[in-house]
Amino acid sequence: MTTPSIDELPAAPSRRAQGEEEFDVQADRFVAALPPMVQQTNAALGWIDGQIEVIGNQVTAAGESATAAAEARDQSQQAAQASADSATAASESESAARTIAATVGDAAGLPALTGNEGRALTVQPGADGGDPSVAFGGPMALEQYSLDVNDTYSANATTAVDVDLSDGPQVVIVGNSSLRTVNLNNPPADRSMLVIVQANGSAGLSFTQLPNGNYWDDGEVPEAGAYWTQYLLWYTGSYWRGTVGIKR
């Protein structure tokens, strides 16, 4: 409901300033405006009462939220204390204690997050047979990994393909029955990455960041396959290089 308003009354009649006829006309206008003003005043008072009730409910809800937050904080502190008490030389207990400590803002024993954006947390062997440590970077063994696929542009069209590399998959499917321009936006600063673009169609793609043969492995912009083409694009951290993986 919008805030109600009360219309301003017309000017009051004045026997000193007006003749009898003009006074009567002005008095009629003034008196006729009084009943609507009463209704508007009542509506405004009702609206004020409603707002007081809404504010009261909000104050109550805020108090309940504060109580719930305090209880959650107490539970987190109790959990952190219990984990700290149970943490011994066993690496599993230590890991659990650090996880709980991190949830309450302590982050005890963990490497700093600042400056390590995008890097994997790995367990490194201990020096001279000592206990292993946790650190960002270092060698990592993977049994298997998979990549998300950006299929936003998989349908055939003539519009440009804008790939946001800061927010999504590094595998992109493009329908290209007509020639389309691909823009590789927001690559990571001072980091390298591989982007795979699967073009389904024969018209080929034009890459804004790889405009001529100097950027491609054969010294010229590759021709598209008759049915599909797979482009492998490597970002070095400052510029792009490309090659065609397979095509048909």
Foldseek 3Di string as FASTA:
>chain_A
DDQFDADDAPDQADVVVDPPVVSVVRNVSRVVSVVVRVVSVVVNVVVVVVVVVVVVVVVVVVVVVVVVVVVVLVVLVVVLVVLVVPDDPDPVSVVVNQVSCVVNPNNPQADDPPPQPPWDWDWAQDPPRDHIHIDTDDDDDDPDDDWDEAEVAQDEDAEEAEAAQVDGTLEYEHEPQDEYEYEHPDDPAQDKDKHKYKYFAQHYYAYPQQHALVQEPVSGDDHAAHGIWIKIWMDNNPGIHIYTDDHD
